[in-house]
């Protein structure tokens, strides 16, 4: 999508990203290469617009917003990360692995899978991306019910929606499904 200094940064169209901070009204997001980069909010459709309760929010001299979780809220943190400073790299890694970050909490994911309608939606989407009309036909359900469950699956990041003209095409989020499978595998007793 563009140049960021000497390196490149990448975003995948249609993919959902978690904002890990605000800096001068810009979103701090982990790009596809795993780098914490600032992006203009105009590149995104905001799904959940509230800041987490534990984030520390400040205003700059011109009213611009700055907000970070306590673990990342220190002057120069991301400069240190980009300079390869080990403490900053470790702190960001630990933050990204903490419960509730990244949208792939095991319990939340399995809670979403506990509903038969949502499981049926995922089964249909496993054969390939579909719009709501095709999902309704494949499931034999009315649009409001399908849209409700799709919304829950999107919030849980198990389904991704990509706008194509006037339609939204839905697909399984393979990375999130794999994260659930890996999480479950870690709970399997070893002989």
C-alpha atoms as a PDB file:
ATOM      1  CA  UNK A   1       0.000   0.000   0.000  1.00  0.00           C
ATOM      2  CA  UNK A   2       2.871   2.397   0.483  1.00  0.00           C
ATOM      3  CA  UNK A   3       6.289   3.215   1.781  1.00  0.00           C
ATOM      4  CA  UNK A   4       7.064   3.772   5.452  1.00  0.00           C
ATOM      5  CA  UNK A   5      10.628   5.043   5.680  1.00  0.00           C
ATOM      6  CA  UNK A   6      13.114   2.522   4.347  1.00  0.00           C
ATOM      7  CA  UNK A   7      10.739  -0.423   4.826  1.00  0.00           C
ATOM      8  CA  UNK A   8       7.410  -1.454   3.384  1.00  0.00           C
ATOM      9  CA  UNK A   9       4.148  -1.956   5.219  1.00  0.00           C
ATOM     10  CA  UNK A  10       1.252  -4.078   4.073  1.00  0.00           C
ATOM     11  CA  UNK A  11      -2.464  -4.391   4.706  1.00  0.00           C
ATOM     12  CA  UNK A  12      -4.809  -6.977   3.212  1.00  0.00           C
ATOM     13  CA  UNK A  13      -8.022  -5.499   1.775  1.00  0.00           C
ATOM     14  CA  UNK A  14     -11.099  -6.821   3.601  1.00  0.00           C
ATOM     15  CA  UNK A  15      -9.148  -8.100   6.607  1.00  0.00           C
ATOM     16  CA  UNK A  16     -10.088  -6.889  10.068  1.00  0.00           C
ATOM     17  CA  UNK A  17      -7.303  -5.304  12.114  1.00  0.00           C
ATOM     18  CA  UNK A  18      -7.120  -4.478  15.805  1.00  0.00           C
ATOM     19  CA  UNK A  19      -6.112  -0.956  16.764  1.00  0.00           C
ATOM     20  CA  UNK A  20      -3.467  -1.189  19.497  1.00  0.00           C
ATOM     21  CA  UNK A  21      -3.219   2.554  20.012  1.00  0.00           C
ATOM     22  CA  UNK A  22      -4.028   6.058  18.797  1.00  0.00           C
ATOM     23  CA  UNK A  23      -1.282   8.553  18.060  1.00  0.00           C
ATOM     24  CA  UNK A  24      -2.166  12.050  16.842  1.00  0.00           C
ATOM     25  CA  UNK A  25      -5.540  10.630  15.738  1.00  0.00           C
ATOM     26  CA  UNK A  26      -3.803   7.924  13.649  1.00  0.00           C
ATOM     27  CA  UNK A  27      -4.432   4.208  14.246  1.00  0.00           C
ATOM     28  CA  UNK A  28      -1.502   2.117  15.484  1.00  0.00           C
ATOM     29  CA  UNK A  29      -2.064  -1.293  13.863  1.00  0.00           C
ATOM     30  CA  UNK A  30       0.027  -4.419  13.505  1.00  0.00           C
ATOM     31  CA  UNK A  31       0.450  -4.738   9.731  1.00  0.00           C
ATOM     32  CA  UNK A  32       0.657  -8.020   7.829  1.00  0.00           C
ATOM     33  CA  UNK A  33       4.421  -8.180   8.455  1.00  0.00           C
ATOM     34  CA  UNK A  34       3.908  -7.899  12.222  1.00  0.00           C
ATOM     35  CA  UNK A  35       5.116  -4.303  12.505  1.00  0.00           C
ATOM     36  CA  UNK A  36       3.247  -1.722  14.637  1.00  0.00           C
ATOM     37  CA  UNK A  37       2.623   1.042  12.100  1.00  0.00           C
ATOM     38  CA  UNK A  38       0.519   4.225  12.087  1.00  0.00           C
ATOM     39  CA  UNK A  39      -2.270   4.415   9.507  1.00  0.00           C
ATOM     40  CA  UNK A  40      -4.871   7.087   8.749  1.00  0.00           C
ATOM     41  CA  UNK A  41      -8.344   6.145  10.016  1.00  0.00           C
ATOM     42  CA  UNK A  42      -9.763   6.867   6.530  1.00  0.00           C
ATOM     43  CA  UNK A  43      -8.349   3.512   5.346  1.00  0.00           C
ATOM     44  CA  UNK A  44     -10.690   1.572   7.639  1.00  0.00           C
ATOM     45  CA  UNK A  45     -14.301   0.922   8.499  1.00  0.00           C
ATOM     46  CA  UNK A  46     -14.483   1.010  12.295  1.00  0.00           C
ATOM     47  CA  UNK A  47     -16.396  -1.984  13.666  1.00  0.00           C
ATOM     48  CA  UNK A  48     -16.136  -1.193  17.376  1.00  0.00           C
ATOM     49  CA  UNK A  49     -15.443   2.454  18.105  1.00  0.00           C
ATOM     50  CA  UNK A  50     -14.983   2.504  21.878  1.00  0.00           C
ATOM     51  CA  UNK A  51     -11.569   2.556  23.525  1.00  0.00           C
ATOM     52  CA  UNK A  52     -10.950  -0.198  26.066  1.00  0.00           C
ATOM     53  CA  UNK A  53     -11.609   1.043  29.610  1.00  0.00           C
ATOM     54  CA  UNK A  54      -8.028   0.502  30.768  1.00  0.00           C
ATOM     55  CA  UNK A  55      -6.420   2.589  27.995  1.00  0.00           C
ATOM     56  CA  UNK A  56      -4.788   5.874  28.952  1.00  0.00           C
ATOM     57  CA  UNK A  57      -6.107   8.718  26.807  1.00  0.00           C
ATOM     58  CA  UNK A  58      -4.457  12.124  26.389  1.00  0.00           C
ATOM     59  CA  UNK A  59      -4.922  15.175  24.186  1.00  0.00           C
ATOM     60  CA  UNK A  60      -2.136  16.970  22.373  1.00  0.00           C
ATOM     61  CA  UNK A  61      -1.626  20.732  22.164  1.00  0.00           C
ATOM     62  CA  UNK A  62      -3.880  20.923  19.088  1.00  0.00           C
ATOM     63  CA  UNK A  63      -6.553  18.597  20.492  1.00  0.00           C
ATOM     64  CA  UNK A  64      -5.298  15.448  18.767  1.00  0.00           C
ATOM     65  CA  UNK A  65      -5.952  12.161  20.575  1.00  0.00           C
ATOM     66  CA  UNK A  66      -3.338   9.808  21.981  1.00  0.00           C
ATOM     67  CA  UNK A  67      -4.422   6.567  23.632  1.00  0.00           C
ATOM     68  CA  UNK A  68      -2.586   3.382  24.520  1.00  0.00           C
ATOM     69  CA  UNK A  69      -2.983   0.459  26.883  1.00  0.00           C
ATOM     70  CA  UNK A  70      -0.921   0.950  30.064  1.00  0.00           C
ATOM     71  CA  UNK A  71       1.674  -1.637  28.931  1.00  0.00           C
ATOM     72  CA  UNK A  72       2.505   0.443  25.836  1.00  0.00           C
ATOM     73  CA  UNK A  73       1.940   3.977  27.170  1.00  0.00           C
ATOM     74  CA  UNK A  74       5.414   5.405  27.534  1.00  0.00           C
ATOM     75  CA  UNK A  75       7.222   8.072  25.566  1.00  0.00           C
ATOM     76  CA  UNK A  76       9.323   6.636  22.758  1.00  0.00           C
ATOM     77  CA  UNK A  77       7.953   3.075  23.107  1.00  0.00           C
ATOM     78  CA  UNK A  78       7.402   2.471  19.386  1.00  0.00           C
ATOM     79  CA  UNK A  79      10.608   4.261  18.385  1.00  0.00           C
ATOM     80  CA  UNK A  80      12.394   1.825  20.715  1.00  0.00           C
ATOM     81  CA  UNK A  81      10.501  -1.088  19.118  1.00  0.00           C
ATOM     82  CA  UNK A  82      11.465   0.007  15.585  1.00  0.00           C
ATOM     83  CA  UNK A  83      15.075   0.483  16.740  1.00  0.00           C
ATOM     84  CA  UNK A  84      15.078  -3.158  17.869  1.00  0.00           C
ATOM     85  CA  UNK A  85      15.238  -2.390  21.603  1.00  0.00           C
ATOM     86  CA  UNK A  86      14.679  -5.761  23.305  1.00  0.00           C
ATOM     87  CA  UNK A  87      12.495  -4.538  26.205  1.00  0.00           C
ATOM     88  CA  UNK A  88      10.074  -2.785  23.850  1.00  0.00           C
ATOM     89  CA  UNK A  89       9.924  -5.832  21.564  1.00  0.00           C
ATOM     90  CA  UNK A  90       9.264  -8.119  24.543  1.00  0.00           C
ATOM     91  CA  UNK A  91       6.608  -5.811  26.029  1.00  0.00           C
ATOM     92  CA  UNK A  92       4.703  -5.575  22.732  1.00  0.00           C
ATOM     93  CA  UNK A  93       4.909  -9.334  22.227  1.00  0.00           C
ATOM     94  CA  UNK A  94       3.529  -9.967  25.722  1.00  0.00           C
ATOM     95  CA  UNK A  95       0.748  -7.402  25.219  1.00  0.00           C
ATOM     96  CA  UNK A  96      -0.342  -9.043  21.952  1.00  0.00           C
ATOM     97  CA  UNK A  97      -0.529 -12.421  23.724  1.00  0.00           C
ATOM     98  CA  UNK A  98      -2.593 -11.107  26.636  1.00  0.00           C
ATOM     99  CA  UNK A  99      -6.268 -12.141  27.020  1.00  0.00           C
ATOM    100  CA  UNK A 100      -8.691 -10.063  24.997  1.00  0.00           C
ATOM    101  CA  UNK A 101      -6.098  -8.704  22.573  1.00  0.00           C
ATOM    102  CA  UNK A 102      -6.174  -9.693  18.921  1.00  0.00           C
ATOM    103  CA  UNK A 103      -9.789 -10.873  18.960  1.00  0.00           C
ATOM    104  CA  UNK A 104      -8.966 -14.581  19.171  1.00  0.00           C
ATOM    105  CA  UNK A 105      -9.653 -15.460  22.784  1.00  0.00           C
ATOM    106  CA  UNK A 106     -10.246 -19.174  23.027  1.00  0.00           C
ATOM    107  CA  UNK A 107     -13.302 -18.973  25.283  1.00  0.00           C
ATOM    108  CA  UNK A 108     -14.977 -16.294  23.158  1.00  0.00           C
ATOM    109  CA  UNK A 109     -14.305 -18.255  19.983  1.00  0.00           C
ATOM    110  CA  UNK A 110     -15.771 -21.455  21.361  1.00  0.00           C
ATOM    111  CA  UNK A 111     -18.729 -19.563  22.791  1.00  0.00           C
ATOM    112  CA  UNK A 112     -19.519 -18.381  19.260  1.00  0.00           C
ATOM    113  CA  UNK A 113     -19.259 -21.957  18.002  1.00  0.00           C
ATOM    114  CA  UNK A 114     -21.729 -23.204  20.620  1.00  0.00           C
ATOM    115  CA  UNK A 115     -24.698 -22.050  18.520  1.00  0.00           C
ATOM    116  CA  UNK A 116     -25.915 -24.437  15.784  1.00  0.00           C
ATOM    117  CA  UNK A 117     -26.921 -21.617  13.420  1.00  0.00           C
ATOM    118  CA  UNK A 118     -23.441 -20.090  13.582  1.00  0.00           C
ATOM    119  CA  UNK A 119     -21.883 -23.521  13.034  1.00  0.00           C
ATOM    120  CA  UNK A 120     -24.136 -23.989   9.997  1.00  0.00           C
ATOM    121  CA  UNK A 121     -23.061 -20.592   8.620  1.00  0.00           C
ATOM    122  CA  UNK A 122     -19.404 -21.575   8.999  1.00  0.00           C
ATOM    123  CA  UNK A 123     -20.076 -24.929   7.281  1.00  0.00           C
ATOM    124  CA  UNK A 124     -21.629 -23.147   4.292  1.00  0.00           C
ATOM    125  CA  UNK A 125     -18.802 -20.597   4.161  1.00  0.00           C
ATOM    126  CA  UNK A 126     -16.229 -23.406   4.322  1.00  0.00           C
ATOM    127  CA  UNK A 127     -17.180 -24.193   0.695  1.00  0.00           C
ATOM    128  CA  UNK A 128     -16.309 -20.628  -0.335  1.00  0.00           C
ATOM    129  CA  UNK A 129     -17.215 -16.952   0.155  1.00  0.00           C
ATOM    130  CA  UNK A 130     -20.886 -15.988  -0.146  1.00  0.00           C
ATOM    131  CA  UNK A 131     -23.161 -12.973   0.170  1.00  0.00           C
ATOM    132  CA  UNK A 132     -26.109 -12.887   2.593  1.00  0.00           C
ATOM    133  CA  UNK A 133     -28.629 -13.900  -0.072  1.00  0.00           C
ATOM    134  CA  UNK A 134     -26.625 -17.037  -0.947  1.00  0.00           C
ATOM    135  CA  UNK A 135     -26.217 -17.853   2.759  1.00  0.00           C
ATOM    136  CA  UNK A 136     -29.974 -17.508   3.343  1.00  0.00           C
ATOM    137  CA  UNK A 137     -30.672 -19.839   0.427  1.00  0.00           C
ATOM    138  CA  UNK A 138     -28.055 -22.354   1.553  1.00  0.00           C
ATOM    139  CA  UNK A 139     -29.354 -22.357   5.129  1.00  0.00           C
ATOM    140  CA  UNK A 140     -33.073 -22.051   4.379  1.00  0.00           C
ATOM    141  CA  UNK A 141     -33.258 -19.091   6.782  1.00  0.00           C
ATOM    142  CA  UNK A 142     -34.530 -15.524   6.636  1.00  0.00           C
ATOM    143  CA  UNK A 143     -32.100 -12.641   6.171  1.00  0.00           C
ATOM    144  CA  UNK A 144     -32.515 -10.963   9.623  1.00  0.00           C
ATOM    145  CA  UNK A 145     -31.536 -14.157  11.469  1.00  0.00           C
ATOM    146  CA  UNK A 146     -28.559 -14.828   9.185  1.00  0.00           C
ATOM    147  CA  UNK A 147     -27.388 -11.197   9.453  1.00  0.00           C
ATOM    148  CA  UNK A 148     -27.634 -11.331  13.256  1.00  0.00           C
ATOM    149  CA  UNK A 149     -25.425 -14.416  13.478  1.00  0.00           C
ATOM    150  CA  UNK A 150     -23.016 -13.095  10.819  1.00  0.00           C
ATOM    151  CA  UNK A 151     -22.615  -9.944  12.923  1.00  0.00           C
ATOM    152  CA  UNK A 152     -21.672 -12.022  15.942  1.00  0.00           C
ATOM    153  CA  UNK A 153     -19.201 -14.103  13.904  1.00  0.00           C
ATOM    154  CA  UNK A 154     -17.657 -10.915  12.490  1.00  0.00           C
ATOM    155  CA  UNK A 155     -17.312  -9.353  15.940  1.00  0.00           C
ATOM    156  CA  UNK A 156     -15.570 -12.538  17.063  1.00  0.00           C
ATOM    157  CA  UNK A 157     -13.366 -12.323  13.972  1.00  0.00           C
ATOM    158  CA  UNK A 158     -14.347 -15.810  12.786  1.00  0.00           C
ATOM    159  CA  UNK A 159     -15.858 -14.356   9.600  1.00  0.00           C
ATOM    160  CA  UNK A 160     -14.554 -11.561   7.384  1.00  0.00           C
ATOM    161  CA  UNK A 161     -16.803  -9.362   5.236  1.00  0.00           C
ATOM    162  CA  UNK A 162     -15.516  -7.675   2.076  1.00  0.00           C
ATOM    163  CA  UNK A 163     -17.579  -5.075   0.250  1.00  0.00           C
ATOM    164  CA  UNK A 164     -18.065  -5.762  -3.488  1.00  0.00           C
ATOM    165  CA  UNK A 165     -20.231  -3.052  -5.015  1.00  0.00           C
ATOM    166  CA  UNK A 166     -23.497  -3.012  -3.075  1.00  0.00           C
ATOM    167  CA  UNK A 167     -22.969  -6.479  -1.571  1.00  0.00           C
ATOM    168  CA  UNK A 168     -20.789  -7.766   1.225  1.00  0.00           C
ATOM    169  CA  UNK A 169     -19.099 -11.092   0.566  1.00  0.00           C
ATOM    170  CA  UNK A 170     -18.476 -13.182   3.681  1.00  0.00           C
ATOM    171  CA  UNK A 171     -15.734 -15.763   4.184  1.00  0.00           C
ATOM    172  CA  UNK A 172     -14.305 -17.794   7.050  1.00  0.00           C
ATOM    173  CA  UNK A 173     -11.318 -16.144   8.697  1.00  0.00           C
ATOM    174  CA  UNK A 174      -8.827 -18.986   8.253  1.00  0.00           C
ATOM    175  CA  UNK A 175      -6.309 -17.439  10.683  1.00  0.00           C
ATOM    176  CA  UNK A 176      -8.896 -17.161  13.476  1.00  0.00           C
ATOM    177  CA  UNK A 177     -10.170 -20.695  12.881  1.00  0.00           C
ATOM    178  CA  UNK A 178      -6.603 -21.984  12.951  1.00  0.00           C
ATOM    179  CA  UNK A 179      -5.966 -20.079  16.206  1.00  0.00           C
ATOM    180  CA  UNK A 180      -8.955 -21.849  17.771  1.00  0.00           C
ATOM    181  CA  UNK A 181      -7.713 -25.233  16.527  1.00  0.00           C
ATOM    182  CA  UNK A 182      -4.217 -24.556  17.883  1.00  0.00           C
ATOM    183  CA  UNK A 183      -5.682 -23.405  21.212  1.00  0.00           C
ATOM    184  CA  UNK A 184      -7.746 -26.568  21.456  1.00  0.00           C
ATOM    185  CA  UNK A 185      -4.748 -28.721  20.526  1.00  0.00           C
ATOM    186  CA  UNK A 186      -2.828 -27.196  23.452  1.00  0.00           C
ATOM    187  CA  UNK A 187      -5.541 -28.525  25.781  1.00  0.00           C
ATOM    188  CA  UNK A 188      -5.274 -32.074  24.460  1.00  0.00           C
ATOM    189  CA  UNK A 189      -3.699 -34.404  27.056  1.00  0.00           C
ATOM    190  CA  UNK A 190      -0.345 -35.839  26.058  1.00  0.00           C
ATOM    191  CA  UNK A 191       0.427 -39.503  26.531  1.00  0.00           C
END
